Structure formats: C-alpha cells, structure tokens
Amino acid sequence: MKTAFVGKGGSGKTTLSSLFVRHLAATGVPVIAIDADINQHLGAALGLDEAEAAALPAMGDRLPLIKDYLRGTNPRIASAETMIKTTPPGEGSRLLRVSEDNPVYDACARPVELDGGTVRLMVTGPFTDADLGVACYHSKTGAVELCLNHLVDGRDEYVVVDMTAGSDSFASGMFTRFDMTFLVAEPTRKGVSVYRQYKEYARDYGVELKVVGNKVQGQDDLDFLRAEVGDDLLVTVGHSDWVRAMEKGRPPRFDSLEDTNLRALDVLRTAADSAYERRDRERYTRQMVHFHLKNAQSWGNERTGADLAAQVDPGFVLGESLTASV
C-alpha cells in the first residue's frame, strides 16, 4: 500500500508519518519509508542522530543510476538521458518491489532498526545552497516520482512517503501515486486551509483523502475539525509524552506509546488497507501517462531533444501480476 502524509509546515505530518512507520514495523510487515520533504526530518523522527541522518544517500544525487536501472530493455526509451520524472514503465522496463534487493535500493536505501522490525529509509536529499538560482527544488523529488511509477506493491506491503509541506505537493503528479493520503491538520483556520486546497486539487483525480486531526486538546477542537472537514475527518491525535521524549532524542520503546495514540495508528492502517480493494490499476496508469504527456509538452521534449510521448506503451498497465525485467 502506498500512503502519503501531507499538511502545512509544522502540522506534525513528519511525526505522524514516523509513528505510522514504527507501528507498521512493529507488526513485522515490509516497509519502505521515503522522505520526500525538502526539509529532511524523517530520519531524525525515526531515531537517527544528526550524523546518521546527514549520511543518508540522496536519491536526487543518484538519478542517473535510477534511470539506467528502471529503463531496462524498454525499446520505447532511447536512453536513460531521455527519461524524466514522469516517464512511465512499459514492456521491458524494470520494476521495483517492496521486499526485493536491487541496485536502486543498494544505492539509495538504508536499513533503520526500530522496535520489532527494520525498515528501508530513502530520502530525496536536502535543498542546498548550490541549488539556489539554478534549479527548482521540486526537481529533487523527481527521483521519488520515477520510483513510484515503477514500484509494484501488494497487500501487507507498505510505502510511506512524507511529502513536501503545503500545496507544494501539487508541483508534480506525485500526489496521484498513493492508495491513501493522510492530511494532517491542526484545529486552526491555517491548519485546515491546506485541506481545502488539497481537496480542491485532488477532486478530479480520485485521490483518497482522509484528515488526521493533530494537537487536538478537547471537545471544542474536535467540533471545529468536524465542522471544517466533515466526513473526511478520520481520527484525531492529542498530546503525547512519548512523542515529546522522541523529539528530545530519547524515545522509549514504541509499545509504551499511549493507548489512545496506538488505537489512532490502528485506524490509519485499517483505512490504508481498505483502499487496497478499491485499487483501479488502469486509472493509476492512465494518470501516470497524463502527467507525463503534460510534462513532455511543457518542458520535457525541449529539454531532452526527444519526443517523450513516444515513451508511452499504450498496452501497459502497472499491476502486481507483472514480472520485472532482468
């Protein structure tokens, strides 16, 4: 299941995504955690110290390797250099699977030991001074989008992505790559403003969106969120001494997380799992192609010197029954 956590900066989306990753890992299921936020904090939220987090390999720095591997023997892609972030897979492409070993994971993923299990952590890499004036930071997340386009995941396999804050999540088609999107909202006017933006943008794409109310302190906060987001409100989370200890770098064992918050995480997993039955693989592939053609026309053809529309394999549908090219 591919899940995303979105919300305004400071809403707690990284904290909640890290708690969800820990919750899944504690049950022993395979998990890939991806930090796609340009402000890289997921590693620290999963318990890495500053040096360990800084040493994580940036996906954006390994984009040539990623492209070369995923291209495989796809005859529609003339070279890895003509691949862009939205290039869809086709016959001959190499696909990624959650539990396998492959050169992309070798280069970009690192194991993180958590209570009860190990997860693979991947990061886009931070926005650096070298990028100022010469690159749009959204290009950093292109490696994530390309990998998601080529990733096949099944039931009880999880990919958890901590997305860029605010409406910047819509800078590419990556917002359509998920089975379930959890929008973390505080019980304030600013807290629900991103929800309204996201709801409006996602409306035409069939994005499954559920709101997680964070920092909810009482009935008045709960009533406010219910009035503002209606049936999209899935669950709320309140104060956590466990999270406070984690933010100080001294997290206790995960099984000591407050019962109410553990139950909230159970609700998130149930919601994500339920989306599996509603998967529309043809729509998923169609949306992938839609954004690729859009990018090809607006900038990709000019930048690569190729007709990127020719990369689309009209008979290809990304699904679990596909066998990866070797």
C-alpha atoms as a PDB file:
ATOM      1  CA  MET A   1       0.000   0.000   0.000  1.00  0.00           C
ATOM      2  CA  LYS A   2       1.352   3.409  -0.966  1.00  0.00           C
ATOM      3  CA  THR A   3       0.473   6.050   1.645  1.00  0.00           C
ATOM      4  CA  ALA A   4       1.343   9.742   1.806  1.00  0.00           C
ATOM      5  CA  PHE A   5       1.357  12.196   4.684  1.00  0.00           C
ATOM      6  CA  VAL A   6       0.707  15.820   3.737  1.00  0.00           C
ATOM      7  CA  GLY A   7      -0.102  19.025   5.616  1.00  0.00           C
ATOM      8  CA  LYS A   8       1.142  22.513   6.276  1.00  0.00           C
ATOM      9  CA  GLY A   9       4.579  23.037   7.736  1.00  0.00           C
ATOM     10  CA  GLY A  10       4.540  22.411  11.477  1.00  0.00           C
ATOM     11  CA  SER A  11       1.322  20.380  11.399  1.00  0.00           C
ATOM     12  CA  GLY A  12       3.080  17.268  12.630  1.00  0.00           C
ATOM     13  CA  LYS A  13       2.980  15.280   9.374  1.00  0.00           C
ATOM     14  CA  THR A  14       6.566  14.053   9.756  1.00  0.00           C
ATOM     15  CA  THR A  15       5.949  12.989  13.351  1.00  0.00           C
ATOM     16  CA  LEU A  16       2.788  11.126  12.390  1.00  0.00           C
ATOM     17  CA  SER A  17       4.354   9.507   9.353  1.00  0.00           C
ATOM     18  CA  SER A  18       7.227   8.289  11.541  1.00  0.00           C
ATOM     19  CA  LEU A  19       4.769   6.907  14.103  1.00  0.00           C
ATOM     20  CA  PHE A  20       2.907   5.100  11.335  1.00  0.00           C
ATOM     21  CA  VAL A  21       6.183   3.623  10.058  1.00  0.00           C
ATOM     22  CA  ARG A  22       7.051   2.439  13.582  1.00  0.00           C
ATOM     23  CA  HIS A  23       3.553   0.997  14.015  1.00  0.00           C
ATOM     24  CA  LEU A  24       3.835  -0.997  10.797  1.00  0.00           C
ATOM     25  CA  ALA A  25       7.363  -2.164  11.563  1.00  0.00           C
ATOM     26  CA  ALA A  26       6.246  -3.440  14.967  1.00  0.00           C
ATOM     27  CA  THR A  27       3.896  -5.868  13.189  1.00  0.00           C
ATOM     28  CA  GLY A  28       6.701  -7.268  11.047  1.00  0.00           C
ATOM     29  CA  VAL A  29       5.406  -6.171   7.631  1.00  0.00           C
ATOM     30  CA  PRO A  30       7.850  -4.873   4.989  1.00  0.00           C
ATOM     31  CA  VAL A  31       8.033  -1.073   4.928  1.00  0.00           C
ATOM     32  CA  ILE A  32       9.808   1.478   2.760  1.00  0.00           C
ATOM     33  CA  ALA A  33       9.846   4.958   4.304  1.00  0.00           C
ATOM     34  CA  ILE A  34      10.591   7.865   1.956  1.00  0.00           C
ATOM     35  CA  ASP A  35      11.370  11.428   2.977  1.00  0.00           C
ATOM     36  CA  ALA A  36      10.147  13.495   0.025  1.00  0.00           C
ATOM     37  CA  ASP A  37      10.022  16.729   2.013  1.00  0.00           C
ATOM     38  CA  ILE A  38      12.738  19.181   1.042  1.00  0.00           C
ATOM     39  CA  ASN A  39      13.200  19.772   4.781  1.00  0.00           C
ATOM     40  CA  GLN A  40      14.617  16.384   5.679  1.00  0.00           C
ATOM     41  CA  HIS A  41      13.390  15.362   9.151  1.00  0.00           C
ATOM     42  CA  LEU A  42      12.035  11.828   8.766  1.00  0.00           C
ATOM     43  CA  GLY A  43      15.366  10.173   9.565  1.00  0.00           C
ATOM     44  CA  ALA A  44      15.608  12.016  12.872  1.00  0.00           C
ATOM     45  CA  ALA A  45      11.976  11.184  13.653  1.00  0.00           C
ATOM     46  CA  LEU A  46      12.860   7.523  13.156  1.00  0.00           C
ATOM     47  CA  GLY A  47      15.666   7.802  15.678  1.00  0.00           C
ATOM     48  CA  LEU A  48      18.760   8.605  13.610  1.00  0.00           C
ATOM     49  CA  ASP A  49      21.207  11.046  15.117  1.00  0.00           C
ATOM     50  CA  GLU A  50      22.347  14.113  13.195  1.00  0.00           C
ATOM     51  CA  ALA A  51      25.403  12.435  11.667  1.00  0.00           C
ATOM     52  CA  GLU A  52      23.480   9.325  10.630  1.00  0.00           C
ATOM     53  CA  ALA A  53      20.729  11.396   9.033  1.00  0.00           C
ATOM     54  CA  ALA A  54      23.264  13.552   7.160  1.00  0.00           C
ATOM     55  CA  ALA A  55      24.982  10.431   5.813  1.00  0.00           C
ATOM     56  CA  LEU A  56      21.833   9.069   4.144  1.00  0.00           C
ATOM     57  CA  PRO A  57      22.327   8.824   0.354  1.00  0.00           C
ATOM     58  CA  ALA A  58      20.249  11.354  -1.561  1.00  0.00           C
ATOM     59  CA  MET A  59      18.050   9.880  -4.281  1.00  0.00           C
ATOM     60  CA  GLY A  60      18.381  13.092  -6.266  1.00  0.00           C
ATOM     61  CA  ASP A  61      22.152  12.576  -6.483  1.00  0.00           C
ATOM     62  CA  ARG A  62      21.691   9.067  -7.870  1.00  0.00           C
ATOM     63  CA  LEU A  63      19.129   9.845 -10.540  1.00  0.00           C
ATOM     64  CA  PRO A  64      21.326   8.594 -13.447  1.00  0.00           C
ATOM     65  CA  LEU A  65      21.659   5.183 -11.765  1.00  0.00           C
ATOM     66  CA  ILE A  66      17.920   5.052 -11.040  1.00  0.00           C
ATOM     67  CA  LYS A  67      17.041   5.916 -14.638  1.00  0.00           C
ATOM     68  CA  ASP A  68      19.504   3.452 -16.117  1.00  0.00           C
ATOM     69  CA  TYR A  69      18.176   0.600 -13.966  1.00  0.00           C
ATOM     70  CA  LEU A  70      14.472   1.315 -14.462  1.00  0.00           C
ATOM     71  CA  ARG A  71      14.843   1.762 -18.213  1.00  0.00           C
ATOM     72  CA  GLY A  72      15.831  -1.894 -18.554  1.00  0.00           C
ATOM     73  CA  THR A  73      15.296  -3.039 -22.131  1.00  0.00           C
ATOM     74  CA  ASN A  74      12.272  -0.852 -22.826  1.00  0.00           C
ATOM     75  CA  PRO A  75      12.576  -0.167 -26.583  1.00  0.00           C
ATOM     76  CA  ARG A  76      10.472   2.990 -26.329  1.00  0.00           C
ATOM     77  CA  ILE A  77      13.125   4.756 -24.242  1.00  0.00           C
ATOM     78  CA  ALA A  78      16.123   5.640 -26.397  1.00  0.00           C
ATOM     79  CA  SER A  79      18.436   6.357 -23.475  1.00  0.00           C
ATOM     80  CA  ALA A  80      18.409   6.980 -19.743  1.00  0.00           C
ATOM     81  CA  GLU A  81      19.106  10.642 -20.508  1.00  0.00           C
ATOM     82  CA  THR A  82      15.688  10.988 -22.163  1.00  0.00           C
ATOM     83  CA  MET A  83      13.860   9.769 -19.051  1.00  0.00           C
ATOM     84  CA  ILE A  84      12.174  12.435 -16.943  1.00  0.00           C
ATOM     85  CA  LYS A  85      10.498  12.192 -13.550  1.00  0.00           C
ATOM     86  CA  THR A  86       7.157  11.133 -15.063  1.00  0.00           C
ATOM     87  CA  THR A  87       8.438   8.575 -17.574  1.00  0.00           C
ATOM     88  CA  PRO A  88       6.065   5.611 -17.270  1.00  0.00           C
ATOM     89  CA  PRO A  89       7.137   1.977 -17.366  1.00  0.00           C
ATOM     90  CA  GLY A  90       6.379  -0.235 -20.336  1.00  0.00           C
ATOM     91  CA  GLU A  91       7.304  -3.601 -21.780  1.00  0.00           C
ATOM     92  CA  GLY A  92      10.969  -4.234 -20.911  1.00  0.00           C
ATOM     93  CA  SER A  93      11.120  -1.736 -18.015  1.00  0.00           C
ATOM     94  CA  ARG A  94      12.488  -2.912 -14.702  1.00  0.00           C
ATOM     95  CA  LEU A  95      10.009  -2.697 -11.842  1.00  0.00           C
ATOM     96  CA  LEU A  96      10.714  -2.251  -8.150  1.00  0.00           C
ATOM     97  CA  ARG A  97       9.142  -4.450  -5.483  1.00  0.00           C
ATOM     98  CA  VAL A  98       8.982  -3.606  -1.814  1.00  0.00           C
ATOM     99  CA  SER A  99      10.764  -6.659  -0.401  1.00  0.00           C
ATOM    100  CA  GLU A 100      13.376  -7.339  -3.071  1.00  0.00           C
ATOM    101  CA  ASP A 101      17.028  -6.360  -3.298  1.00  0.00           C
ATOM    102  CA  ASN A 102      18.041  -4.324  -6.323  1.00  0.00           C
ATOM    103  CA  PRO A 103      20.652  -1.726  -7.355  1.00  0.00           C
ATOM    104  CA  VAL A 104      18.292   1.187  -6.637  1.00  0.00           C
ATOM    105  CA  TYR A 105      17.801   0.110  -3.018  1.00  0.00           C
ATOM    106  CA  ASP A 106      21.513  -0.685  -2.708  1.00  0.00           C
ATOM    107  CA  ALA A 107      22.366   2.862  -3.761  1.00  0.00           C
ATOM    108  CA  CYS A 108      19.547   4.829  -2.152  1.00  0.00           C
ATOM    109  CA  ALA A 109      18.046   2.918   0.787  1.00  0.00           C
ATOM    110  CA  ARG A 110      19.453   2.303   4.234  1.00  0.00           C
ATOM    111  CA  PRO A 111      18.069  -0.055   6.900  1.00  0.00           C
ATOM    112  CA  VAL A 112      16.785   1.560  10.080  1.00  0.00           C
ATOM    113  CA  GLU A 113      16.323  -0.646  13.129  1.00  0.00           C
ATOM    114  CA  LEU A 114      13.100   0.036  15.012  1.00  0.00           C
ATOM    115  CA  ASP A 115      11.368  -1.752  17.876  1.00  0.00           C
ATOM    116  CA  GLY A 116      10.182  -5.030  16.442  1.00  0.00           C
ATOM    117  CA  GLY A 117      11.480  -4.619  12.904  1.00  0.00           C
ATOM    118  CA  THR A 118      13.656  -2.976  10.280  1.00  0.00           C
ATOM    119  CA  VAL A 119      12.501  -0.552   7.588  1.00  0.00           C
ATOM    120  CA  ARG A 120      14.170   0.752   4.465  1.00  0.00           C
ATOM    121  CA  LEU A 121      14.617   4.526   4.547  1.00  0.00           C
ATOM    122  CA  MET A 122      15.090   6.590   1.386  1.00  0.00           C
ATOM    123  CA  VAL A 123      15.482  10.373   1.164  1.00  0.00           C
ATOM    124  CA  THR A 124      15.338  12.860  -1.695  1.00  0.00           C
ATOM    125  CA  GLY A 125      18.173  14.908  -0.279  1.00  0.00           C
ATOM    126  CA  PRO A 126      18.056  18.467   1.058  1.00  0.00           C
ATOM    127  CA  PHE A 127      17.802  21.698  -0.912  1.00  0.00           C
ATOM    128  CA  THR A 128      21.335  23.103  -0.834  1.00  0.00           C
ATOM    129  CA  ASP A 129      22.948  26.475  -1.491  1.00  0.00           C
ATOM    130  CA  ALA A 130      24.219  25.063  -4.790  1.00  0.00           C
ATOM    131  CA  ASP A 131      20.620  24.777  -5.983  1.00  0.00           C
ATOM    132  CA  LEU A 132      19.853  28.460  -5.424  1.00  0.00           C
ATOM    133  CA  GLY A 133      19.153  30.280  -8.671  1.00  0.00           C
ATOM    134  CA  VAL A 134      19.885  27.278 -10.875  1.00  0.00           C
ATOM    135  CA  ALA A 135      17.316  24.626 -10.055  1.00  0.00           C
ATOM    136  CA  CYS A 136      13.797  24.266  -8.813  1.00  0.00           C
ATOM    137  CA  TYR A 137      13.736  22.191  -5.646  1.00  0.00           C
ATOM    138  CA  HIS A 138      10.771  20.231  -6.999  1.00  0.00           C
ATOM    139  CA  SER A 139      13.258  18.509  -9.311  1.00  0.00           C
ATOM    140  CA  LYS A 140      14.762  16.911  -6.213  1.00  0.00           C
ATOM    141  CA  THR A 141      11.603  14.852  -5.742  1.00  0.00           C
ATOM    142  CA  GLY A 142      11.696  13.633  -9.334  1.00  0.00           C
ATOM    143  CA  ALA A 143      13.607  10.517  -8.294  1.00  0.00           C
ATOM    144  CA  VAL A 144      10.813   9.623  -5.865  1.00  0.00           C
ATOM    145  CA  GLU A 145       8.125  10.054  -8.503  1.00  0.00           C
ATOM    146  CA  LEU A 146      10.055   7.968 -11.023  1.00  0.00           C
ATOM    147  CA  CYS A 147      10.491   5.162  -8.497  1.00  0.00           C
ATOM    148  CA  LEU A 148       6.815   5.241  -7.501  1.00  0.00           C
ATOM    149  CA  ASN A 149       5.859   4.991 -11.185  1.00  0.00           C
ATOM    150  CA  HIS A 150       7.858   1.772 -11.386  1.00  0.00           C
ATOM    151  CA  LEU A 151       7.002   0.308  -7.968  1.00  0.00           C
ATOM    152  CA  VAL A 152       4.703  -2.682  -7.594  1.00  0.00           C
ATOM    153  CA  ASP A 153       3.385  -3.315  -4.089  1.00  0.00           C
ATOM    154  CA  GLY A 154       0.928  -5.866  -2.804  1.00  0.00           C
ATOM    155  CA  ARG A 155      -1.282  -6.417   0.200  1.00  0.00           C
ATOM    156  CA  ASP A 156       0.571  -6.069   3.525  1.00  0.00           C
ATOM    157  CA  GLU A 157       3.480  -4.257   1.853  1.00  0.00           C
ATOM    158  CA  TYR A 158       3.799  -0.586   2.668  1.00  0.00           C
ATOM    159  CA  VAL A 159       5.418   2.513   1.212  1.00  0.00           C
ATOM    160  CA  VAL A 160       5.069   5.554   3.479  1.00  0.00           C
ATOM    161  CA  VAL A 161       6.010   8.939   1.994  1.00  0.00           C
ATOM    162  CA  ASP A 162       6.457  12.141   3.988  1.00  0.00           C
ATOM    163  CA  MET A 163       5.547  14.734   1.368  1.00  0.00           C
ATOM    164  CA  THR A 164       6.571  18.353   0.860  1.00  0.00           C
ATOM    165  CA  ALA A 165       4.636  20.744   3.087  1.00  0.00           C
ATOM    166  CA  GLY A 166       1.591  22.672   1.927  1.00  0.00           C
ATOM    167  CA  SER A 167       0.329  22.921  -1.621  1.00  0.00           C
ATOM    168  CA  ASP A 168       3.835  22.325  -2.990  1.00  0.00           C
ATOM    169  CA  SER A 169       2.806  18.661  -3.020  1.00  0.00           C
ATOM    170  CA  PHE A 170       0.997  19.511  -6.264  1.00  0.00           C
ATOM    171  CA  ALA A 171       4.119  20.631  -8.117  1.00  0.00           C
ATOM    172  CA  SER A 172       4.076  17.282  -9.915  1.00  0.00           C
ATOM    173  CA  GLY A 173       1.737  14.376 -10.487  1.00  0.00           C
ATOM    174  CA  MET A 174       3.154  12.543  -7.478  1.00  0.00           C
ATOM    175  CA  PHE A 175       0.044  13.356  -5.432  1.00  0.00           C
ATOM    176  CA  THR A 176      -1.849  10.765  -7.526  1.00  0.00           C
ATOM    177  CA  ARG A 177       0.608   7.948  -6.776  1.00  0.00           C
ATOM    178  CA  PHE A 178      -0.956   6.815  -3.493  1.00  0.00           C
ATOM    179  CA  ASP A 179      -3.674   4.439  -2.356  1.00  0.00           C
ATOM    180  CA  MET A 180      -4.353   6.648   0.656  1.00  0.00           C
ATOM    181  CA  THR A 181      -3.348  10.200   1.516  1.00  0.00           C
ATOM    182  CA  PHE A 182      -3.438  11.310   5.150  1.00  0.00           C
ATOM    183  CA  LEU A 183      -3.692  15.064   5.558  1.00  0.00           C
ATOM    184  CA  VAL A 184      -2.512  16.168   8.985  1.00  0.00           C
ATOM    185  CA  ALA A 185      -4.416  19.232  10.178  1.00  0.00           C
ATOM    186  CA  GLU A 186      -4.328  21.221  13.394  1.00  0.00           C
ATOM    187  CA  PRO A 187      -7.630  22.572  14.737  1.00  0.00           C
ATOM    188  CA  THR A 188      -6.984  26.108  13.456  1.00  0.00           C
ATOM    189  CA  ARG A 189      -8.006  28.116  10.380  1.00  0.00           C
ATOM    190  CA  LYS A 190      -4.488  27.806   8.975  1.00  0.00           C
ATOM    191  CA  GLY A 191      -4.499  24.139   9.852  1.00  0.00           C
ATOM    192  CA  VAL A 192      -7.479  23.362   7.624  1.00  0.00           C
ATOM    193  CA  SER A 193      -6.541  25.743   4.791  1.00  0.00           C
ATOM    194  CA  VAL A 194      -4.211  23.169   3.235  1.00  0.00           C
ATOM    195  CA  TYR A 195      -7.023  20.627   3.472  1.00  0.00           C
ATOM    196  CA  ARG A 196      -9.252  22.857   1.367  1.00  0.00           C
ATOM    197  CA  GLN A 197      -6.509  23.337  -1.212  1.00  0.00           C
ATOM    198  CA  TYR A 198      -5.739  19.642  -1.343  1.00  0.00           C
ATOM    199  CA  LYS A 199      -9.387  18.678  -1.586  1.00  0.00           C
ATOM    200  CA  GLU A 200      -9.888  21.070  -4.490  1.00  0.00           C
ATOM    201  CA  TYR A 201      -6.781  19.972  -6.408  1.00  0.00           C
ATOM    202  CA  ALA A 202      -7.326  16.257  -5.815  1.00  0.00           C
ATOM    203  CA  ARG A 203     -11.032  16.231  -6.605  1.00  0.00           C
ATOM    204  CA  ASP A 204     -10.680  15.402 -10.290  1.00  0.00           C
ATOM    205  CA  TYR A 205      -8.138  12.615  -9.783  1.00  0.00           C
ATOM    206  CA  GLY A 206      -9.935  10.225  -7.444  1.00  0.00           C
ATOM    207  CA  VAL A 207      -7.394  10.777  -4.666  1.00  0.00           C
ATOM    208  CA  GLU A 208      -8.427   9.047  -1.439  1.00  0.00           C
ATOM    209  CA  LEU A 209      -8.018  11.701   1.235  1.00  0.00           C
ATOM    210  CA  LYS A 210      -8.513  11.384   4.985  1.00  0.00           C
ATOM    211  CA  VAL A 211      -7.803  14.014   7.622  1.00  0.00           C
ATOM    212  CA  VAL A 212      -5.858  13.251  10.781  1.00  0.00           C
ATOM    213  CA  GLY A 213      -6.531  15.906  13.395  1.00  0.00           C
ATOM    214  CA  ASN A 214      -3.344  16.622  15.333  1.00  0.00           C
ATOM    215  CA  LYS A 215      -2.735  18.530  18.579  1.00  0.00           C
ATOM    216  CA  VAL A 216      -6.402  18.133  19.498  1.00  0.00           C
ATOM    217  CA  GLN A 217      -6.874  19.122  23.138  1.00  0.00           C
ATOM    218  CA  GLY A 218     -10.576  18.903  23.793  1.00  0.00           C
ATOM    219  CA  GLN A 219     -14.136  18.743  22.506  1.00  0.00           C
ATOM    220  CA  ASP A 220     -14.012  22.264  21.103  1.00  0.00           C
ATOM    221  CA  ASP A 221     -11.037  21.336  18.891  1.00  0.00           C
ATOM    222  CA  LEU A 222     -12.814  18.191  17.769  1.00  0.00           C
ATOM    223  CA  ASP A 223     -16.020  20.083  16.979  1.00  0.00           C
ATOM    224  CA  PHE A 224     -14.045  22.631  14.967  1.00  0.00           C
ATOM    225  CA  LEU A 225     -12.419  19.971  12.797  1.00  0.00           C
ATOM    226  CA  ARG A 226     -15.694  18.140  12.261  1.00  0.00           C
ATOM    227  CA  ALA A 227     -17.332  21.365  11.143  1.00  0.00           C
ATOM    228  CA  GLU A 228     -14.483  22.231   8.774  1.00  0.00           C
ATOM    229  CA  VAL A 229     -13.672  18.879   7.143  1.00  0.00           C
ATOM    230  CA  GLY A 230     -16.834  16.825   7.711  1.00  0.00           C
ATOM    231  CA  ASP A 231     -16.685  13.133   6.915  1.00  0.00           C
ATOM    232  CA  ASP A 232     -13.070  13.376   5.771  1.00  0.00           C
ATOM    233  CA  LEU A 233     -12.014  13.517   9.434  1.00  0.00           C
ATOM    234  CA  LEU A 234     -10.727  10.010  10.141  1.00  0.00           C
ATOM    235  CA  VAL A 235      -9.180  10.228  13.600  1.00  0.00           C
ATOM    236  CA  THR A 236      -7.566  12.691  15.992  1.00  0.00           C
ATOM    237  CA  VAL A 237      -4.336  12.644  17.955  1.00  0.00           C
ATOM    238  CA  GLY A 238      -3.648  14.585  21.133  1.00  0.00           C
ATOM    239  CA  HIS A 239      -0.674  15.321  23.360  1.00  0.00           C
ATOM    240  CA  SER A 240       1.920  12.553  23.620  1.00  0.00           C
ATOM    241  CA  ASP A 241       4.623  12.282  26.257  1.00  0.00           C
ATOM    242  CA  TRP A 242       6.161   9.560  24.075  1.00  0.00           C
ATOM    243  CA  VAL A 243       6.480  11.966  21.152  1.00  0.00           C
ATOM    244  CA  ARG A 244       7.934  14.649  23.413  1.00  0.00           C
ATOM    245  CA  ALA A 245      10.614  12.187  24.567  1.00  0.00           C
ATOM    246  CA  MET A 246      11.284  11.185  20.958  1.00  0.00           C
ATOM    247  CA  GLU A 247      11.750  14.818  19.957  1.00  0.00           C
ATOM    248  CA  LYS A 248      14.353  15.113  22.704  1.00  0.00           C
ATOM    249  CA  GLY A 249      16.203  12.166  21.205  1.00  0.00           C
ATOM    250  CA  ARG A 250      15.237   9.763  23.984  1.00  0.00           C
ATOM    251  CA  PRO A 251      12.303   7.711  22.675  1.00  0.00           C
ATOM    252  CA  PRO A 252      11.083   4.930  24.965  1.00  0.00           C
ATOM    253  CA  ARG A 253      10.090   1.590  23.492  1.00  0.00           C
ATOM    254  CA  PHE A 254       7.338   2.004  20.941  1.00  0.00           C
ATOM    255  CA  ASP A 255       4.969  -0.318  22.783  1.00  0.00           C
ATOM    256  CA  SER A 256       4.808   2.291  25.540  1.00  0.00           C
ATOM    257  CA  LEU A 257       3.101   4.813  23.224  1.00  0.00           C
ATOM    258  CA  GLU A 258      -0.191   5.953  24.747  1.00  0.00           C
ATOM    259  CA  ASP A 259      -3.099   3.565  24.116  1.00  0.00           C
ATOM    260  CA  THR A 260      -5.218   6.265  22.500  1.00  0.00           C
ATOM    261  CA  ASN A 261      -2.480   7.051  20.001  1.00  0.00           C
ATOM    262  CA  LEU A 262      -1.833   3.374  19.292  1.00  0.00           C
ATOM    263  CA  ARG A 263      -5.521   2.992  18.522  1.00  0.00           C
ATOM    264  CA  ALA A 264      -5.328   6.018  16.218  1.00  0.00           C
ATOM    265  CA  LEU A 265      -2.494   4.351  14.304  1.00  0.00           C
ATOM    266  CA  ASP A 266      -4.612   1.201  14.021  1.00  0.00           C
ATOM    267  CA  VAL A 267      -7.311   3.346  12.418  1.00  0.00           C
ATOM    268  CA  LEU A 268      -4.789   4.689   9.900  1.00  0.00           C
ATOM    269  CA  ARG A 269      -3.668   1.202   8.935  1.00  0.00           C
ATOM    270  CA  THR A 270      -7.238  -0.032   8.585  1.00  0.00           C
ATOM    271  CA  ALA A 271      -8.024   2.909   6.311  1.00  0.00           C
ATOM    272  CA  ALA A 272      -4.926   2.266   4.192  1.00  0.00           C
ATOM    273  CA  ASP A 273      -5.658  -1.449   3.956  1.00  0.00           C
ATOM    274  CA  SER A 274      -9.258  -0.838   2.930  1.00  0.00           C
ATOM    275  CA  ALA A 275      -8.063   1.162  -0.067  1.00  0.00           C
ATOM    276  CA  TYR A 276      -6.446  -1.964  -1.490  1.00  0.00           C
ATOM    277  CA  GLU A 277      -9.814  -3.369  -2.501  1.00  0.00           C
ATOM    278  CA  ARG A 278     -10.590  -0.183  -4.428  1.00  0.00           C
ATOM    279  CA  ARG A 279      -7.406  -0.089  -6.466  1.00  0.00           C
ATOM    280  CA  ASP A 280      -8.000   0.929 -10.061  1.00  0.00           C
ATOM    281  CA  ARG A 281      -4.789  -0.031 -11.825  1.00  0.00           C
ATOM    282  CA  GLU A 282      -5.936   1.252 -15.201  1.00  0.00           C
ATOM    283  CA  ARG A 283      -6.722   4.674 -13.743  1.00  0.00           C
ATOM    284  CA  TYR A 284      -3.406   4.703 -11.896  1.00  0.00           C
ATOM    285  CA  THR A 285      -1.536   4.027 -15.136  1.00  0.00           C
ATOM    286  CA  ARG A 286      -3.698   6.491 -17.071  1.00  0.00           C
ATOM    287  CA  GLN A 287      -2.889   9.277 -14.603  1.00  0.00           C
ATOM    288  CA  MET A 288       0.792   8.433 -14.835  1.00  0.00           C
ATOM    289  CA  VAL A 289       0.609   8.862 -18.599  1.00  0.00           C
ATOM    290  CA  HIS A 290      -1.457  12.064 -18.282  1.00  0.00           C
ATOM    291  CA  PHE A 291       1.197  13.875 -16.264  1.00  0.00           C
ATOM    292  CA  HIS A 292       3.990  12.508 -18.435  1.00  0.00           C
ATOM    293  CA  LEU A 293       2.411  13.885 -21.595  1.00  0.00           C
ATOM    294  CA  LYS A 294       1.755  17.182 -19.838  1.00  0.00           C
ATOM    295  CA  ASN A 295       5.394  17.492 -18.773  1.00  0.00           C
ATOM    296  CA  ALA A 296       6.623  16.344 -22.164  1.00  0.00           C
ATOM    297  CA  GLN A 297       4.754  19.128 -23.912  1.00  0.00           C
ATOM    298  CA  SER A 298       5.523  21.885 -21.417  1.00  0.00           C
ATOM    299  CA  TRP A 299       9.267  21.292 -20.947  1.00  0.00           C
ATOM    300  CA  GLY A 300      10.416  17.696 -21.357  1.00  0.00           C
ATOM    301  CA  ASN A 301      10.633  17.488 -25.151  1.00  0.00           C
ATOM    302  CA  GLU A 302      12.626  20.690 -25.365  1.00  0.00           C
ATOM    303  CA  ARG A 303      14.976  19.724 -22.541  1.00  0.00           C
ATOM    304  CA  THR A 304      15.733  16.205 -23.784  1.00  0.00           C
ATOM    305  CA  GLY A 305      15.501  16.797 -27.513  1.00  0.00           C
ATOM    306  CA  ALA A 306      13.217  13.782 -27.844  1.00  0.00           C
ATOM    307  CA  ASP A 307       9.522  13.124 -28.413  1.00  0.00           C
ATOM    308  CA  LEU A 308       8.690  11.872 -24.934  1.00  0.00           C
ATOM    309  CA  ALA A 309       5.126  10.979 -25.912  1.00  0.00           C
ATOM    310  CA  ALA A 310       6.690   8.052 -27.785  1.00  0.00           C
ATOM    311  CA  GLN A 311       7.775   6.596 -24.407  1.00  0.00           C
ATOM    312  CA  VAL A 312       4.169   5.671 -23.589  1.00  0.00           C
ATOM    313  CA  ASP A 313       3.359   1.994 -24.045  1.00  0.00           C
ATOM    314  CA  PRO A 314      -0.403   2.061 -24.788  1.00  0.00           C
ATOM    315  CA  GLY A 315      -0.946  -1.571 -23.818  1.00  0.00           C
ATOM    316  CA  PHE A 316       0.860  -1.450 -20.472  1.00  0.00           C
ATOM    317  CA  VAL A 317      -0.957  -1.420 -17.118  1.00  0.00           C
ATOM    318  CA  LEU A 318       1.073  -1.441 -13.893  1.00  0.00           C
ATOM    319  CA  GLY A 319      -0.121  -4.323 -11.731  1.00  0.00           C
ATOM    320  CA  GLU A 320       1.037  -6.959  -9.271  1.00  0.00           C
ATOM    321  CA  SER A 321       0.936  -9.752 -11.829  1.00  0.00           C
ATOM    322  CA  LEU A 322       3.714  -8.186 -13.887  1.00  0.00           C
ATOM    323  CA  THR A 323       7.137  -9.780 -13.854  1.00  0.00           C
ATOM    324  CA  ALA A 324      10.074  -7.417 -13.558  1.00  0.00           C
ATOM    325  CA  SER A 325      12.570  -7.365 -16.425  1.00  0.00           C
ATOM    326  CA  VAL A 326      16.058  -8.623 -15.592  1.00  0.00           C
END
